Amino acid sequence: MDERGWIYVQTWKNSNDEENYFIDLFDADGRYRALLSMKERAFIRKGKMYSIEEDEEGTQIIKRHAVTWNLK
């Protein structure tokens, strides 16, 4: 859940590349809003998505991405 009360639910279905997972997104009122494809270990806080990924040597890296929503 993020600071707006939106809920992210990881599904059991993987994407074709098997590195991303599908996430169902629900707003604070429980309405389904979107299907997202995200890294397995990722979360969103204050408009930023943080993910933990590994480089070629196996070193874990935390990446931060800006998130903008365009939901109707």
N, C-alpha and C. Protein backbone atom coordinates (compact mmCIF):
# COMPACT_ATOMS: atom_id res chain seq x y z
N MET A 1 0.85 -1.17 0.00
CA MET A 1 0.00 0.00 0.00
C MET A 1 0.90 1.23 0.00
N ASP A 2 0.51 2.23 -0.79
CA ASP A 2 1.31 3.46 -0.79
C ASP A 2 0.66 4.52 0.12
N GLU A 3 1.25 5.71 0.14
CA GLU A 3 0.79 6.74 1.05
C GLU A 3 -0.60 7.28 0.70
N ARG A 4 -1.08 7.02 -0.52
CA ARG A 4 -2.43 7.44 -0.91
C ARG A 4 -3.48 6.41 -0.55
N GLY A 5 -3.03 5.25 -0.06
CA GLY A 5 -3.96 4.17 0.26
C GLY A 5 -4.20 3.24 -0.91
N TRP A 6 -3.48 3.42 -2.00
CA TRP A 6 -3.61 2.54 -3.15
C TRP A 6 -2.92 1.21 -2.84
N ILE A 7 -3.52 0.12 -3.28
CA ILE A 7 -3.05 -1.22 -2.95
C ILE A 7 -2.46 -1.88 -4.19
N TYR A 8 -1.28 -2.48 -4.02
CA TYR A 8 -0.59 -3.20 -5.09
C TYR A 8 -0.61 -4.68 -4.73
N VAL A 9 -1.19 -5.50 -5.61
CA VAL A 9 -1.32 -6.92 -5.34
C VAL A 9 -0.53 -7.69 -6.40
N GLN A 10 0.53 -8.36 -5.96
CA GLN A 10 1.32 -9.15 -6.90
C GLN A 10 0.56 -10.42 -7.26
N THR A 11 0.43 -10.68 -8.56
CA THR A 11 -0.25 -11.89 -9.03
C THR A 11 0.78 -13.01 -9.18
N TRP A 12 0.32 -14.19 -9.50
CA TRP A 12 1.21 -15.33 -9.71
C TRP A 12 1.71 -15.40 -11.14
N LYS A 13 1.20 -14.57 -12.02
CA LYS A 13 1.55 -14.63 -13.43
C LYS A 13 2.80 -13.83 -13.72
N ASN A 14 3.77 -14.43 -14.40
CA ASN A 14 4.99 -13.74 -14.82
C ASN A 14 4.81 -13.20 -16.23
N SER A 15 5.59 -12.18 -16.57
CA SER A 15 5.60 -11.68 -17.93
C SER A 15 6.43 -12.61 -18.80
N ASN A 16 6.47 -12.35 -20.08
CA ASN A 16 7.20 -13.23 -21.01
C ASN A 16 8.69 -13.32 -20.70
N ASP A 17 9.28 -12.24 -20.20
CA ASP A 17 10.72 -12.27 -19.91
C ASP A 17 11.04 -12.92 -18.57
N GLU A 18 10.03 -13.28 -17.80
CA GLU A 18 10.14 -13.96 -16.51
C GLU A 18 10.92 -13.18 -15.46
N GLU A 19 11.24 -11.92 -15.72
CA GLU A 19 11.89 -11.08 -14.72
C GLU A 19 10.90 -10.11 -14.10
N ASN A 20 9.81 -9.86 -14.78
CA ASN A 20 8.78 -8.95 -14.28
C ASN A 20 7.56 -9.74 -13.86
N TYR A 21 6.81 -9.17 -12.95
CA TYR A 21 5.60 -9.78 -12.44
C TYR A 21 4.44 -8.81 -12.65
N PHE A 22 3.26 -9.35 -12.83
CA PHE A 22 2.09 -8.51 -12.99
C PHE A 22 1.53 -8.13 -11.62
N ILE A 23 1.18 -6.85 -11.50
CA ILE A 23 0.66 -6.29 -10.27
C ILE A 23 -0.71 -5.70 -10.57
N ASP A 24 -1.72 -6.08 -9.80
CA ASP A 24 -3.03 -5.44 -9.89
C ASP A 24 -3.02 -4.22 -8.99
N LEU A 25 -3.53 -3.10 -9.49
CA LEU A 25 -3.54 -1.85 -8.75
C LEU A 25 -4.98 -1.46 -8.43
N PHE A 26 -5.24 -1.19 -7.14
CA PHE A 26 -6.55 -0.78 -6.67
C PHE A 26 -6.42 0.57 -5.98
N ASP A 27 -7.41 1.45 -6.18
CA ASP A 27 -7.36 2.74 -5.50
C ASP A 27 -7.81 2.60 -4.05
N ALA A 28 -7.81 3.71 -3.32
CA ALA A 28 -8.13 3.68 -1.89
C ALA A 28 -9.57 3.24 -1.62
N ASP A 29 -10.45 3.34 -2.61
CA ASP A 29 -11.84 2.90 -2.46
C ASP A 29 -12.03 1.45 -2.88
N GLY A 30 -10.94 0.77 -3.25
CA GLY A 30 -11.01 -0.64 -3.63
C GLY A 30 -11.35 -0.89 -5.08
N ARG A 31 -11.39 0.18 -5.90
CA ARG A 31 -11.69 0.02 -7.33
C ARG A 31 -10.43 -0.40 -8.08
N TYR A 32 -10.58 -1.39 -8.96
CA TYR A 32 -9.46 -1.83 -9.80
C TYR A 32 -9.10 -0.70 -10.76
N ARG A 33 -7.80 -0.36 -10.83
CA ARG A 33 -7.36 0.75 -11.68
C ARG A 33 -6.45 0.34 -12.82
N ALA A 34 -5.57 -0.65 -12.62
CA ALA A 34 -4.60 -0.96 -13.67
C ALA A 34 -3.93 -2.30 -13.42
N LEU A 35 -3.31 -2.80 -14.48
CA LEU A 35 -2.43 -3.96 -14.41
C LEU A 35 -1.03 -3.46 -14.72
N LEU A 36 -0.10 -3.63 -13.79
CA LEU A 36 1.27 -3.14 -13.95
C LEU A 36 2.21 -4.31 -14.12
N SER A 37 3.31 -4.06 -14.80
CA SER A 37 4.39 -5.03 -14.89
C SER A 37 5.59 -4.41 -14.18
N MET A 38 6.02 -5.04 -13.08
CA MET A 38 7.09 -4.48 -12.26
C MET A 38 8.10 -5.56 -11.92
N LYS A 39 9.26 -5.12 -11.45
CA LYS A 39 10.24 -6.05 -10.92
C LYS A 39 9.68 -6.71 -9.67
N GLU A 40 10.13 -7.91 -9.38
CA GLU A 40 9.59 -8.65 -8.24
C GLU A 40 9.69 -7.87 -6.95
N ARG A 41 10.83 -7.32 -6.69
CA ARG A 41 11.02 -6.59 -5.44
C ARG A 41 11.02 -5.09 -5.73
N ALA A 42 9.83 -4.53 -5.74
CA ALA A 42 9.69 -3.11 -6.01
C ALA A 42 8.57 -2.55 -5.15
N PHE A 43 8.69 -1.29 -4.80
CA PHE A 43 7.61 -0.63 -4.06
C PHE A 43 7.59 0.84 -4.44
N ILE A 44 6.47 1.49 -4.19
CA ILE A 44 6.28 2.89 -4.55
C ILE A 44 6.01 3.69 -3.29
N ARG A 45 6.75 4.79 -3.14
CA ARG A 45 6.56 5.71 -2.03
C ARG A 45 6.76 7.13 -2.53
N LYS A 46 5.81 8.01 -2.23
CA LYS A 46 5.90 9.44 -2.54
C LYS A 46 6.29 9.69 -3.99
N GLY A 47 5.63 9.00 -4.91
CA GLY A 47 5.84 9.24 -6.33
C GLY A 47 7.11 8.64 -6.92
N LYS A 48 7.80 7.82 -6.18
CA LYS A 48 9.02 7.15 -6.67
C LYS A 48 8.86 5.65 -6.53
N MET A 49 9.35 4.91 -7.53
CA MET A 49 9.38 3.45 -7.44
C MET A 49 10.81 3.03 -7.14
N TYR A 50 10.96 2.18 -6.15
CA TYR A 50 12.26 1.65 -5.76
C TYR A 50 12.27 0.17 -6.07
N SER A 51 13.34 -0.29 -6.74
CA SER A 51 13.45 -1.71 -7.03
C SER A 51 14.85 -2.18 -6.66
N ILE A 52 14.93 -3.44 -6.27
CA ILE A 52 16.21 -4.06 -5.94
C ILE A 52 16.53 -5.01 -7.07
N GLU A 53 17.63 -4.74 -7.77
CA GLU A 53 18.03 -5.52 -8.92
C GLU A 53 19.47 -5.96 -8.75
N GLU A 54 19.89 -6.91 -9.56
CA GLU A 54 21.27 -7.38 -9.53
C GLU A 54 21.97 -7.03 -10.83
N ASP A 55 23.25 -6.63 -10.73
CA ASP A 55 24.02 -6.38 -11.93
C ASP A 55 24.65 -7.69 -12.43
N GLU A 56 25.52 -7.61 -13.43
CA GLU A 56 26.11 -8.80 -14.04
C GLU A 56 26.93 -9.63 -13.05
N GLU A 57 27.51 -8.97 -12.05
CA GLU A 57 28.34 -9.67 -11.06
C GLU A 57 27.52 -10.20 -9.88
N GLY A 58 26.22 -9.93 -9.85
CA GLY A 58 25.38 -10.39 -8.76
C GLY A 58 25.26 -9.41 -7.61
N THR A 59 25.82 -8.21 -7.78
CA THR A 59 25.72 -7.19 -6.74
C THR A 59 24.33 -6.57 -6.78
N GLN A 60 23.69 -6.46 -5.62
CA GLN A 60 22.36 -5.87 -5.56
C GLN A 60 22.45 -4.35 -5.63
N ILE A 61 21.56 -3.78 -6.43
CA ILE A 61 21.51 -2.34 -6.66
C ILE A 61 20.09 -1.87 -6.39
N ILE A 62 19.95 -0.78 -5.66
CA ILE A 62 18.63 -0.17 -5.48
C ILE A 62 18.48 0.92 -6.53
N LYS A 63 17.42 0.82 -7.33
CA LYS A 63 17.15 1.81 -8.37
C LYS A 63 15.91 2.60 -7.98
N ARG A 64 15.94 3.90 -8.27
CA ARG A 64 14.80 4.78 -8.01
C ARG A 64 14.32 5.36 -9.33
N HIS A 65 13.01 5.28 -9.54
CA HIS A 65 12.41 5.76 -10.78
C HIS A 65 11.27 6.71 -10.42
N ALA A 66 11.09 7.75 -11.23
CA ALA A 66 9.94 8.64 -11.07
C ALA A 66 8.70 7.92 -11.59
N VAL A 67 7.58 8.13 -10.93
CA VAL A 67 6.32 7.51 -11.34
C VAL A 67 5.29 8.60 -11.57
N THR A 68 4.67 8.58 -12.73
CA THR A 68 3.56 9.48 -13.01
C THR A 68 2.38 8.62 -13.44
N TRP A 69 1.19 8.97 -12.96
CA TRP A 69 0.00 8.21 -13.26
C TRP A 69 -0.84 8.96 -14.27
N ASN A 70 -1.33 8.24 -15.26
CA ASN A 70 -2.24 8.78 -16.24
C ASN A 70 -3.44 7.85 -16.31
N LEU A 71 -4.23 7.81 -15.24
CA LEU A 71 -5.39 6.93 -15.15
C LEU A 71 -6.65 7.76 -15.37
N LYS A 72 -7.56 7.19 -16.12
CA LYS A 72 -8.83 7.88 -16.38
C LYS A 72 -9.90 7.42 -15.47
